[in-house]
Amino acid sequence: MGLLSGLFSKRETPKPVTSSGVAKERLQLALVYDRVKISPEVLETIKEEIVEVISKHFDIDRQGMEITLGERNDRLEVNIPVRRSKVYNQNS
């Protein structure tokens, strides 16, 4: 689900954590590691930092998050399903 459709669509129920989902995420991280030659630990740290920042403003689906390397291996792409925007005061 894209950012705009996530903001304007009905609220989805969270997907349960499955072993296949965890395995898929690990495989994706391994493929990215293989291409960019950084350690899995560094990649996991990057992922957690991205989640931390995005989570300040949006309720996200962490299990649906995908990290891939662009076709030309020059771009890290992160796909994060957004459930809804968090309400906060913009004047503060």
PDB file of N, CA and C in Angstrom:
ATOM      1  N   MET A   1       0.853  -1.161   0.000  1.00  0.00           N
ATOM      2  CA  MET A   1       0.000   0.000   0.000  1.00  0.00           C
ATOM      3  C   MET A   1       0.900   1.226   0.000  1.00  0.00           C
ATOM      4  N   GLY A   2       0.661   2.150  -0.896  1.00  0.00           N
ATOM      5  CA  GLY A   2       1.460   3.350  -1.003  1.00  0.00           C
ATOM      6  C   GLY A   2       1.134   4.353   0.083  1.00  0.00           C
ATOM      7  N   LEU A   3       1.920   5.389   0.149  1.00  0.00           N
ATOM      8  CA  LEU A   3       1.767   6.408   1.183  1.00  0.00           C
ATOM      9  C   LEU A   3       0.398   7.067   1.130  1.00  0.00           C
ATOM     10  N   LEU A   4      -0.014   7.548  -0.040  1.00  0.00           N
ATOM     11  CA  LEU A   4      -1.294   8.252  -0.129  1.00  0.00           C
ATOM     12  C   LEU A   4      -2.474   7.320   0.077  1.00  0.00           C
ATOM     13  N   SER A   5      -2.410   6.135  -0.513  1.00  0.00           N
ATOM     14  CA  SER A   5      -3.531   5.216  -0.317  1.00  0.00           C
ATOM     15  C   SER A   5      -3.608   4.784   1.144  1.00  0.00           C
ATOM     16  N   GLY A   6      -2.474   4.731   1.811  1.00  0.00           N
ATOM     17  CA  GLY A   6      -2.469   4.380   3.226  1.00  0.00           C
ATOM     18  C   GLY A   6      -3.100   5.453   4.089  1.00  0.00           C
ATOM     19  N   LEU A   7      -2.950   6.699   3.672  1.00  0.00           N
ATOM     20  CA  LEU A   7      -3.522   7.794   4.440  1.00  0.00           C
ATOM     21  C   LEU A   7      -5.029   7.903   4.267  1.00  0.00           C
ATOM     22  N   PHE A   8      -5.532   7.492   3.109  1.00  0.00           N
ATOM     23  CA  PHE A   8      -6.933   7.696   2.805  1.00  0.00           C
ATOM     24  C   PHE A   8      -7.766   6.425   2.767  1.00  0.00           C
ATOM     25  N   SER A   9      -7.169   5.289   3.000  1.00  0.00           N
ATOM     26  CA  SER A   9      -7.928   4.038   2.939  1.00  0.00           C
ATOM     27  C   SER A   9      -8.378   3.615   4.327  1.00  0.00           C
ATOM     28  N   LYS A  10      -9.210   2.594   4.358  1.00  0.00           N
ATOM     29  CA  LYS A  10      -9.675   2.061   5.635  1.00  0.00           C
ATOM     30  C   LYS A  10      -8.509   1.433   6.379  1.00  0.00           C
ATOM     31  N   ARG A  11      -8.610   1.417   7.659  1.00  0.00           N
ATOM     32  CA  ARG A  11      -7.579   0.848   8.507  1.00  0.00           C
ATOM     33  C   ARG A  11      -7.514  -0.662   8.318  1.00  0.00           C
ATOM     34  N   GLU A  12      -6.309  -1.176   8.097  1.00  0.00           N
ATOM     35  CA  GLU A  12      -6.127  -2.613   7.943  1.00  0.00           C
ATOM     36  C   GLU A  12      -5.751  -3.222   9.285  1.00  0.00           C
ATOM     37  N   THR A  13      -6.132  -4.467   9.472  1.00  0.00           N
ATOM     38  CA  THR A  13      -5.696  -5.166  10.670  1.00  0.00           C
ATOM     39  C   THR A  13      -4.265  -5.622  10.461  1.00  0.00           C
ATOM     40  N   PRO A  14      -3.443  -5.590  11.504  1.00  0.00           N
ATOM     41  CA  PRO A  14      -2.051  -5.997  11.357  1.00  0.00           C
ATOM     42  C   PRO A  14      -1.947  -7.459  10.927  1.00  0.00           C
ATOM     43  N   LYS A  15      -0.968  -7.711  10.063  1.00  0.00           N
ATOM     44  CA  LYS A  15      -0.737  -9.082   9.629  1.00  0.00           C
ATOM     45  C   LYS A  15       0.046  -9.814  10.715  1.00  0.00           C
ATOM     46  N   PRO A  16      -0.296 -11.070  10.968  1.00  0.00           N
ATOM     47  CA  PRO A  16       0.451 -11.818  11.971  1.00  0.00           C
ATOM     48  C   PRO A  16       1.869 -12.111  11.479  1.00  0.00           C
ATOM     49  N   VAL A  17       2.793 -12.191  12.415  1.00  0.00           N
ATOM     50  CA  VAL A  17       4.168 -12.523  12.079  1.00  0.00           C
ATOM     51  C   VAL A  17       4.219 -14.004  11.719  1.00  0.00           C
ATOM     52  N   THR A  18       4.752 -14.297  10.543  1.00  0.00           N
ATOM     53  CA  THR A  18       4.864 -15.688  10.114  1.00  0.00           C
ATOM     54  C   THR A  18       6.326 -16.023   9.884  1.00  0.00           C
ATOM     55  N   SER A  19       6.646 -17.290   9.971  1.00  0.00           N
ATOM     56  CA  SER A  19       8.031 -17.701   9.737  1.00  0.00           C
ATOM     57  C   SER A  19       8.434 -17.423   8.293  1.00  0.00           C
ATOM     58  N   SER A  20       7.488 -17.544   7.364  1.00  0.00           N
ATOM     59  CA  SER A  20       7.821 -17.258   5.965  1.00  0.00           C
ATOM     60  C   SER A  20       8.109 -15.767   5.774  1.00  0.00           C
ATOM     61  N   GLY A  21       7.383 -14.912   6.500  1.00  0.00           N
ATOM     62  CA  GLY A  21       7.635 -13.475   6.416  1.00  0.00           C
ATOM     63  C   GLY A  21       9.005 -13.110   6.960  1.00  0.00           C
ATOM     64  N   VAL A  22       9.367 -13.726   8.068  1.00  0.00           N
ATOM     65  CA  VAL A  22      10.685 -13.491   8.661  1.00  0.00           C
ATOM     66  C   VAL A  22      11.774 -13.990   7.720  1.00  0.00           C
ATOM     67  N   ALA A  23      11.570 -15.166   7.137  1.00  0.00           N
ATOM     68  CA  ALA A  23      12.549 -15.732   6.205  1.00  0.00           C
ATOM     69  C   ALA A  23      12.703 -14.839   4.976  1.00  0.00           C
ATOM     70  N   LYS A  24      11.592 -14.313   4.477  1.00  0.00           N
ATOM     71  CA  LYS A  24      11.631 -13.425   3.311  1.00  0.00           C
ATOM     72  C   LYS A  24      12.442 -12.174   3.628  1.00  0.00           C
ATOM     73  N   GLU A  25      12.189 -11.599   4.796  1.00  0.00           N
ATOM     74  CA  GLU A  25      12.922 -10.396   5.195  1.00  0.00           C
ATOM     75  C   GLU A  25      14.413 -10.683   5.316  1.00  0.00           C
ATOM     76  N   ARG A  26      14.767 -11.795   5.911  1.00  0.00           N
ATOM     77  CA  ARG A  26      16.185 -12.159   6.054  1.00  0.00           C
ATOM     78  C   ARG A  26      16.843 -12.359   4.696  1.00  0.00           C
ATOM     79  N   LEU A  27      16.128 -12.995   3.774  1.00  0.00           N
ATOM     80  CA  LEU A  27      16.664 -13.200   2.430  1.00  0.00           C
ATOM     81  C   LEU A  27      16.880 -11.866   1.731  1.00  0.00           C
ATOM     82  N   GLN A  28      15.926 -10.962   1.857  1.00  0.00           N
ATOM     83  CA  GLN A  28      16.070  -9.648   1.232  1.00  0.00           C
ATOM     84  C   GLN A  28      17.277  -8.914   1.799  1.00  0.00           C
ATOM     85  N   LEU A  29      17.449  -8.971   3.108  1.00  0.00           N
ATOM     86  CA  LEU A  29      18.596  -8.315   3.728  1.00  0.00           C
ATOM     87  C   LEU A  29      19.901  -8.947   3.265  1.00  0.00           C
ATOM     88  N   ALA A  30      19.917 -10.270   3.130  1.00  0.00           N
ATOM     89  CA  ALA A  30      21.118 -10.965   2.662  1.00  0.00           C
ATOM     90  C   ALA A  30      21.460 -10.553   1.232  1.00  0.00           C
ATOM     91  N   LEU A  31      20.448 -10.406   0.379  1.00  0.00           N
ATOM     92  CA  LEU A  31      20.688  -9.994  -1.006  1.00  0.00           C
ATOM     93  C   LEU A  31      21.239  -8.574  -1.077  1.00  0.00           C
ATOM     94  N   VAL A  32      20.686  -7.685  -0.267  1.00  0.00           N
ATOM     95  CA  VAL A  32      21.195  -6.314  -0.235  1.00  0.00           C
ATOM     96  C   VAL A  32      22.630  -6.315   0.265  1.00  0.00           C
ATOM     97  N   TYR A  33      22.911  -7.067   1.311  1.00  0.00           N
ATOM     98  CA  TYR A  33      24.265  -7.160   1.857  1.00  0.00           C
ATOM     99  C   TYR A  33      25.236  -7.637   0.790  1.00  0.00           C
ATOM    100  N   ASP A  34      24.826  -8.649   0.050  1.00  0.00           N
ATOM    101  CA  ASP A  34      25.665  -9.227  -0.993  1.00  0.00           C
ATOM    102  C   ASP A  34      26.039  -8.194  -2.047  1.00  0.00           C
ATOM    103  N   ARG A  35      25.111  -7.324  -2.390  1.00  0.00           N
ATOM    104  CA  ARG A  35      25.349  -6.349  -3.453  1.00  0.00           C
ATOM    105  C   ARG A  35      26.151  -5.142  -2.995  1.00  0.00           C
ATOM    106  N   VAL A  36      25.910  -4.656  -1.804  1.00  0.00           N
ATOM    107  CA  VAL A  36      26.574  -3.428  -1.361  1.00  0.00           C
ATOM    108  C   VAL A  36      27.759  -3.679  -0.441  1.00  0.00           C
ATOM    109  N   LYS A  37      27.969  -4.913  -0.075  1.00  0.00           N
ATOM    110  CA  LYS A  37      29.128  -5.314   0.732  1.00  0.00           C
ATOM    111  C   LYS A  37      29.191  -4.612   2.088  1.00  0.00           C
ATOM    112  N   ILE A  38      28.044  -4.502   2.752  1.00  0.00           N
ATOM    113  CA  ILE A  38      28.046  -4.046   4.139  1.00  0.00           C
ATOM    114  C   ILE A  38      27.541  -5.194   4.994  1.00  0.00           C
ATOM    115  N   SER A  39      27.883  -5.155   6.240  1.00  0.00           N
ATOM    116  CA  SER A  39      27.518  -6.269   7.114  1.00  0.00           C
ATOM    117  C   SER A  39      26.015  -6.284   7.383  1.00  0.00           C
ATOM    118  N   PRO A  40      25.477  -7.461   7.656  1.00  0.00           N
ATOM    119  CA  PRO A  40      24.055  -7.548   7.999  1.00  0.00           C
ATOM    120  C   PRO A  40      23.710  -6.711   9.227  1.00  0.00           C
ATOM    121  N   GLU A  41      24.657  -6.589  10.148  1.00  0.00           N
ATOM    122  CA  GLU A  41      24.411  -5.803  11.355  1.00  0.00           C
ATOM    123  C   GLU A  41      24.221  -4.326  11.011  1.00  0.00           C
ATOM    124  N   VAL A  42      25.059  -3.805  10.112  1.00  0.00           N
ATOM    125  CA  VAL A  42      24.944  -2.404   9.699  1.00  0.00           C
ATOM    126  C   VAL A  42      23.626  -2.185   8.967  1.00  0.00           C
ATOM    127  N   LEU A  43      23.269  -3.114   8.086  1.00  0.00           N
ATOM    128  CA  LEU A  43      22.012  -2.998   7.356  1.00  0.00           C
ATOM    129  C   LEU A  43      20.817  -3.037   8.307  1.00  0.00           C
ATOM    130  N   GLU A  44      20.870  -3.891   9.308  1.00  0.00           N
ATOM    131  CA  GLU A  44      19.786  -3.966  10.295  1.00  0.00           C
ATOM    132  C   GLU A  44      19.703  -2.665  11.095  1.00  0.00           C
ATOM    133  N   THR A  45      20.850  -2.084  11.427  1.00  0.00           N
ATOM    134  CA  THR A  45      20.871  -0.806  12.132  1.00  0.00           C
ATOM    135  C   THR A  45      20.227   0.288  11.285  1.00  0.00           C
ATOM    136  N   ILE A  46      20.559   0.316   9.997  1.00  0.00           N
ATOM    137  CA  ILE A  46      19.959   1.292   9.084  1.00  0.00           C
ATOM    138  C   ILE A  46      18.447   1.113   9.046  1.00  0.00           C
ATOM    139  N   LYS A  47      18.012  -0.130   8.930  1.00  0.00           N
ATOM    140  CA  LYS A  47      16.575  -0.419   8.879  1.00  0.00           C
ATOM    141  C   LYS A  47      15.881   0.075  10.144  1.00  0.00           C
ATOM    142  N   GLU A  48      16.442  -0.221  11.302  1.00  0.00           N
ATOM    143  CA  GLU A  48      15.831   0.199  12.564  1.00  0.00           C
ATOM    144  C   GLU A  48      15.792   1.717  12.692  1.00  0.00           C
ATOM    145  N   GLU A  49      16.831   2.404  12.214  1.00  0.00           N
ATOM    146  CA  GLU A  49      16.839   3.861  12.272  1.00  0.00           C
ATOM    147  C   GLU A  49      15.764   4.455  11.359  1.00  0.00           C
ATOM    148  N   ILE A  50      15.589   3.862  10.179  1.00  0.00           N
ATOM    149  CA  ILE A  50      14.539   4.320   9.269  1.00  0.00           C
ATOM    150  C   ILE A  50      13.174   4.127   9.915  1.00  0.00           C
ATOM    151  N   VAL A  51      12.953   2.960  10.494  1.00  0.00           N
ATOM    152  CA  VAL A  51      11.679   2.660  11.157  1.00  0.00           C
ATOM    153  C   VAL A  51      11.436   3.644  12.296  1.00  0.00           C
ATOM    154  N   GLU A  52      12.467   3.939  13.068  1.00  0.00           N
ATOM    155  CA  GLU A  52      12.328   4.860  14.202  1.00  0.00           C
ATOM    156  C   GLU A  52      11.874   6.247  13.742  1.00  0.00           C
ATOM    157  N   VAL A  53      12.483   6.752  12.682  1.00  0.00           N
ATOM    158  CA  VAL A  53      12.139   8.087  12.188  1.00  0.00           C
ATOM    159  C   VAL A  53      10.734   8.110  11.592  1.00  0.00           C
ATOM    160  N   ILE A  54      10.424   7.151  10.719  1.00  0.00           N
ATOM    161  CA  ILE A  54       9.111   7.110  10.071  1.00  0.00           C
ATOM    162  C   ILE A  54       8.008   6.897  11.110  1.00  0.00           C
ATOM    163  N   SER A  55       8.288   6.092  12.131  1.00  0.00           N
ATOM    164  CA  SER A  55       7.290   5.782  13.160  1.00  0.00           C
ATOM    165  C   SER A  55       6.901   7.000  13.991  1.00  0.00           C
ATOM    166  N   LYS A  56       7.711   8.033  13.975  1.00  0.00           N
ATOM    167  CA  LYS A  56       7.361   9.256  14.696  1.00  0.00           C
ATOM    168  C   LYS A  56       6.154   9.942  14.066  1.00  0.00           C
ATOM    169  N   HIS A  57       5.948   9.723  12.771  1.00  0.00           N
ATOM    170  CA  HIS A  57       4.907  10.430  12.038  1.00  0.00           C
ATOM    171  C   HIS A  57       3.804   9.539  11.489  1.00  0.00           C
ATOM    172  N   PHE A  58       4.075   8.233  11.374  1.00  0.00           N
ATOM    173  CA  PHE A  58       3.115   7.305  10.789  1.00  0.00           C
ATOM    174  C   PHE A  58       3.044   6.016  11.589  1.00  0.00           C
ATOM    175  N   ASP A  59       1.859   5.420  11.604  1.00  0.00           N
ATOM    176  CA  ASP A  59       1.680   4.070  12.121  1.00  0.00           C
ATOM    177  C   ASP A  59       1.991   3.155  10.940  1.00  0.00           C
ATOM    178  N   ILE A  60       3.059   2.359  11.044  1.00  0.00           N
ATOM    179  CA  ILE A  60       3.514   1.566   9.904  1.00  0.00           C
ATOM    180  C   ILE A  60       3.373   0.072  10.154  1.00  0.00           C
ATOM    181  N   ASP A  61       3.399  -0.679   9.062  1.00  0.00           N
ATOM    182  CA  ASP A  61       3.367  -2.140   9.110  1.00  0.00           C
ATOM    183  C   ASP A  61       4.802  -2.638   8.995  1.00  0.00           C
ATOM    184  N   ARG A  62       5.439  -2.891  10.117  1.00  0.00           N
ATOM    185  CA  ARG A  62       6.843  -3.320  10.110  1.00  0.00           C
ATOM    186  C   ARG A  62       7.042  -4.652   9.397  1.00  0.00           C
ATOM    187  N   GLN A  63       6.059  -5.543   9.504  1.00  0.00           N
ATOM    188  CA  GLN A  63       6.196  -6.853   8.867  1.00  0.00           C
ATOM    189  C   GLN A  63       6.128  -6.755   7.348  1.00  0.00           C
ATOM    190  N   GLY A  64       5.459  -5.742   6.837  1.00  0.00           N
ATOM    191  CA  GLY A  64       5.347  -5.570   5.394  1.00  0.00           C
ATOM    192  C   GLY A  64       6.479  -4.754   4.790  1.00  0.00           C
ATOM    193  N   MET A  65       7.401  -4.295   5.618  1.00  0.00           N
ATOM    194  CA  MET A  65       8.511  -3.470   5.161  1.00  0.00           C
ATOM    195  C   MET A  65       9.461  -4.284   4.290  1.00  0.00           C
ATOM    196  N   GLU A  66       9.892  -3.680   3.185  1.00  0.00           N
ATOM    197  CA  GLU A  66      10.827  -4.341   2.281  1.00  0.00           C
ATOM    198  C   GLU A  66      12.005  -3.423   1.993  1.00  0.00           C
ATOM    199  N   ILE A  67      13.195  -4.001   1.985  1.00  0.00           N
ATOM    200  CA  ILE A  67      14.399  -3.270   1.616  1.00  0.00           C
ATOM    201  C   ILE A  67      14.999  -3.984   0.416  1.00  0.00           C
ATOM    202  N   THR A  68      15.209  -3.243  -0.671  1.00  0.00           N
ATOM    203  CA  THR A  68      15.806  -3.832  -1.866  1.00  0.00           C
ATOM    204  C   THR A  68      16.853  -2.888  -2.425  1.00  0.00           C
ATOM    205  N   LEU A  69      17.694  -3.421  -3.271  1.00  0.00           N
ATOM    206  CA  LEU A  69      18.698  -2.625  -3.950  1.00  0.00           C
ATOM    207  C   LEU A  69      18.212  -2.368  -5.361  1.00  0.00           C
ATOM    208  N   GLY A  70      18.335  -1.133  -5.831  1.00  0.00           N
ATOM    209  CA  GLY A  70      17.861  -0.770  -7.163  1.00  0.00           C
ATOM    210  C   GLY A  70      18.503  -1.598  -8.257  1.00  0.00           C
ATOM    211  N   GLU A  71      17.880  -1.578  -9.431  1.00  0.00           N
ATOM    212  CA  GLU A  71      18.329  -2.403 -10.548  1.00  0.00           C
ATOM    213  C   GLU A  71      19.792  -2.189 -10.906  1.00  0.00           C
ATOM    214  N   ARG A  72      20.271  -0.972 -10.780  1.00  0.00           N
ATOM    215  CA  ARG A  72      21.665  -0.691 -11.142  1.00  0.00           C
ATOM    216  C   ARG A  72      22.586  -0.744  -9.923  1.00  0.00           C
ATOM    217  N   ASN A  73      22.085  -1.264  -8.820  1.00  0.00           N
ATOM    218  CA  ASN A  73      22.858  -1.412  -7.584  1.00  0.00           C
ATOM    219  C   ASN A  73      23.374  -0.085  -7.036  1.00  0.00           C
ATOM    220  N   ASP A  74      22.706   1.012  -7.381  1.00  0.00           N
ATOM    221  CA  ASP A  74      23.150   2.305  -6.882  1.00  0.00           C
ATOM    222  C   ASP A  74      22.105   2.980  -6.005  1.00  0.00           C
ATOM    223  N   ARG A  75      21.089   2.213  -5.611  1.00  0.00           N
ATOM    224  CA  ARG A  75      19.989   2.808  -4.865  1.00  0.00           C
ATOM    225  C   ARG A  75      19.420   1.792  -3.883  1.00  0.00           C
ATOM    226  N   LEU A  76      19.314   2.192  -2.644  1.00  0.00           N
ATOM    227  CA  LEU A  76      18.647   1.377  -1.634  1.00  0.00           C
ATOM    228  C   LEU A  76      17.195   1.818  -1.593  1.00  0.00           C
ATOM    229  N   GLU A  77      16.282   0.890  -1.817  1.00  0.00           N
ATOM    230  CA  GLU A  77      14.859   1.216  -1.854  1.00  0.00           C
ATOM    231  C   GLU A  77      14.165   0.593  -0.653  1.00  0.00           C
ATOM    232  N   VAL A  78      13.381   1.408   0.026  1.00  0.00           N
ATOM    233  CA  VAL A  78      12.662   0.949   1.209  1.00  0.00           C
ATOM    234  C   VAL A  78      11.174   1.150   0.961  1.00  0.00           C
ATOM    235  N   ASN A  79      10.413   0.086   1.104  1.00  0.00           N
ATOM    236  CA  ASN A  79       8.965   0.139   0.939  1.00  0.00           C
ATOM    237  C   ASN A  79       8.341  -0.140   2.305  1.00  0.00           C
ATOM    238  N   ILE A  80       7.650   0.861   2.850  1.00  0.00           N
ATOM    239  CA  ILE A  80       7.063   0.737   4.181  1.00  0.00           C
ATOM    240  C   ILE A  80       5.559   0.974   4.083  1.00  0.00           C
ATOM    241  N   PRO A  81       4.754  -0.058   4.276  1.00  0.00           N
ATOM    242  CA  PRO A  81       3.302   0.147   4.270  1.00  0.00           C
ATOM    243  C   PRO A  81       2.874   1.039   5.441  1.00  0.00           C
ATOM    244  N   VAL A  82       2.099   2.064   5.130  1.00  0.00           N
ATOM    245  CA  VAL A  82       1.633   3.023   6.134  1.00  0.00           C
ATOM    246  C   VAL A  82       0.178   2.726   6.451  1.00  0.00           C
ATOM    247  N   ARG A  83      -0.123   2.553   7.729  1.00  0.00           N
ATOM    248  CA  ARG A  83      -1.509   2.314   8.151  1.00  0.00           C
ATOM    249  C   ARG A  83      -2.272   3.622   8.277  1.00  0.00           C
ATOM    250  N   ARG A  84      -1.629   4.610   8.911  1.00  0.00           N
ATOM    251  CA  ARG A  84      -2.275   5.914   9.077  1.00  0.00           C
ATOM    252  C   ARG A  84      -1.240   6.918   9.565  1.00  0.00           C
ATOM    253  N   SER A  85      -1.588   8.191   9.420  1.00  0.00           N
ATOM    254  CA  SER A  85      -0.749   9.264   9.921  1.00  0.00           C
ATOM    255  C   SER A  85      -1.018   9.426  11.411  1.00  0.00           C
ATOM    256  N   LYS A  86       0.016   9.756  12.158  1.00  0.00           N
ATOM    257  CA  LYS A  86      -0.176  10.043  13.575  1.00  0.00           C
ATOM    258  C   LYS A  86      -0.585  11.504  13.704  1.00  0.00           C
ATOM    259  N   VAL A  87      -1.512  11.765  14.593  1.00  0.00           N
ATOM    260  CA  VAL A  87      -1.990  13.126  14.804  1.00  0.00           C
ATOM    261  C   VAL A  87      -1.035  13.816  15.770  1.00  0.00           C
ATOM    262  N   TYR A  88      -0.562  14.980  15.363  1.00  0.00           N
ATOM    263  CA  TYR A  88       0.289  15.757  16.247  1.00  0.00           C
ATOM    264  C   TYR A  88       0.104  17.230  15.934  1.00  0.00           C
ATOM    265  N   ASN A  89       0.455  18.063  16.883  1.00  0.00           N
ATOM    266  CA  ASN A  89       0.291  19.503  16.752  1.00  0.00           C
ATOM    267  C   ASN A  89       1.467  20.074  15.979  1.00  0.00           C
ATOM    268  N   GLN A  90       1.217  20.669  14.822  1.00  0.00           N
ATOM    269  CA  GLN A  90       2.278  21.226  13.993  1.00  0.00           C
ATOM    270  C   GLN A  90       2.793  22.558  14.530  1.00  0.00           C
ATOM    271  N   ASN A  91       2.100  23.160  15.490  1.00  0.00           N
ATOM    272  CA  ASN A  91       2.526  24.445  16.038  1.00  0.00           C
ATOM    273  C   ASN A  91       3.557  24.310  17.137  1.00  0.00           C
ATOM    274  N   SER A  92       3.808  23.109  17.593  1.00  0.00           N
ATOM    275  CA  SER A  92       4.752  22.954  18.701  1.00  0.00           C
ATOM    276  C   SER A  92       6.143  22.688  18.222  1.00  0.00           C
TER     277      SER A  92
END
